[in-house]
Protein backbone atom coordinates (compact mmCIF):
# COMPACT_ATOMS: atom_id res chain seq x y z
CA UNK A 1 26.47 12.85 97.56
CA UNK A 2 24.07 11.02 95.56
CA UNK A 3 20.69 12.65 95.22
CA UNK A 4 19.38 8.78 94.88
CA UNK A 5 21.39 6.35 97.20
CA UNK A 6 20.84 2.80 95.61
CA UNK A 7 19.16 3.70 92.44
CA UNK A 8 21.10 3.99 89.33
CA UNK A 9 18.79 5.21 86.38
CA UNK A 10 15.96 2.76 85.47
CA UNK A 11 17.59 0.49 88.02
CA UNK A 12 18.32 0.25 92.06
CA UNK A 13 21.94 -1.14 93.31
CA UNK A 14 22.54 -3.64 95.76
CA UNK A 15 25.64 -5.65 97.17
CA UNK A 16 25.94 -9.02 96.61
CA UNK A 17 27.45 -11.39 99.55
CA UNK A 18 31.01 -10.91 98.09
CA UNK A 19 30.52 -7.31 98.47
CA UNK A 20 30.31 -6.53 94.73
CA UNK A 21 27.53 -4.17 93.44
CA UNK A 22 24.72 -5.38 91.27
CA UNK A 23 22.39 -3.27 89.36
CA UNK A 24 18.70 -4.64 88.85
CA UNK A 25 15.77 -3.59 87.31
CA UNK A 26 13.11 -3.84 90.09
CA UNK A 27 10.73 -4.33 87.55
CA UNK A 28 11.54 -7.80 87.21
CA UNK A 29 11.26 -8.55 91.32
CA UNK A 30 8.74 -10.97 92.37
CA UNK A 31 9.51 -11.73 95.72
CA UNK A 32 12.18 -10.62 98.62
CA UNK A 33 12.77 -12.61 101.62
CA UNK A 34 14.75 -13.21 104.81
CA UNK A 35 16.07 -16.55 105.52
CA UNK A 36 18.36 -14.88 107.02
CA UNK A 37 20.10 -13.85 104.18
CA UNK A 38 18.00 -11.59 102.01
CA UNK A 39 17.09 -13.52 98.88
CA UNK A 40 15.78 -11.84 95.70
CA UNK A 41 13.39 -13.60 93.19
CA UNK A 42 13.55 -12.41 89.36
CA UNK A 43 10.66 -12.85 87.09
CA UNK A 44 13.06 -15.05 85.18
CA UNK A 45 13.24 -17.21 88.17
CA UNK A 46 16.78 -16.05 88.95
CA UNK A 47 17.62 -16.09 92.91
CA UNK A 48 20.09 -13.38 94.18
CA UNK A 49 21.11 -13.37 97.31
CA UNK A 50 22.20 -9.79 98.61
CA UNK A 51 23.62 -8.06 102.10
CA UNK A 52 20.74 -5.47 101.94
CA UNK A 53 17.63 -6.42 104.43
CA UNK A 54 14.55 -6.42 102.65
CA UNK A 55 13.54 -3.16 104.06
CA UNK A 56 16.32 -1.52 102.71
CA UNK A 57 15.23 -3.47 99.07
CA UNK A 58 11.86 -2.25 99.57
CA UNK A 59 12.90 1.28 100.34
CA UNK A 60 14.85 1.51 97.27
CA UNK A 61 12.28 0.05 94.88
CA UNK A 62 9.59 2.72 96.27
CA UNK A 63 11.95 5.56 95.82
CA UNK A 64 12.93 4.25 92.55
CA UNK A 65 9.05 4.38 91.76
CA UNK A 66 8.61 7.57 93.31
CA UNK A 67 11.34 9.35 91.26
CA UNK A 68 9.62 7.90 88.12
CA UNK A 69 6.28 8.33 88.57
CA UNK A 70 5.24 10.88 90.98
CA UNK A 71 7.79 12.70 92.93
CA UNK A 72 5.52 14.59 95.54
CA UNK A 73 4.13 11.35 96.82
CA UNK A 74 6.23 10.60 100.36
CA UNK A 75 7.77 7.45 101.08
CA UNK A 76 6.98 7.11 104.55
């Protein structure tokens, strides 16, 4: 079992609408919105539509940062 689901090295994994996995750098995320699809806007202006809900993407980003910077800080 993956110890860090949704995380690959210094990135997080999300799923495009066509079921293909996509690994993105969470430092490039500018905004995330549900319209009802989840759209992630990156700092270069690119918009990516993914299957995960906003709450799940945020959880993956928090988990990623927690693992990198301070594993002792609780997620919730």
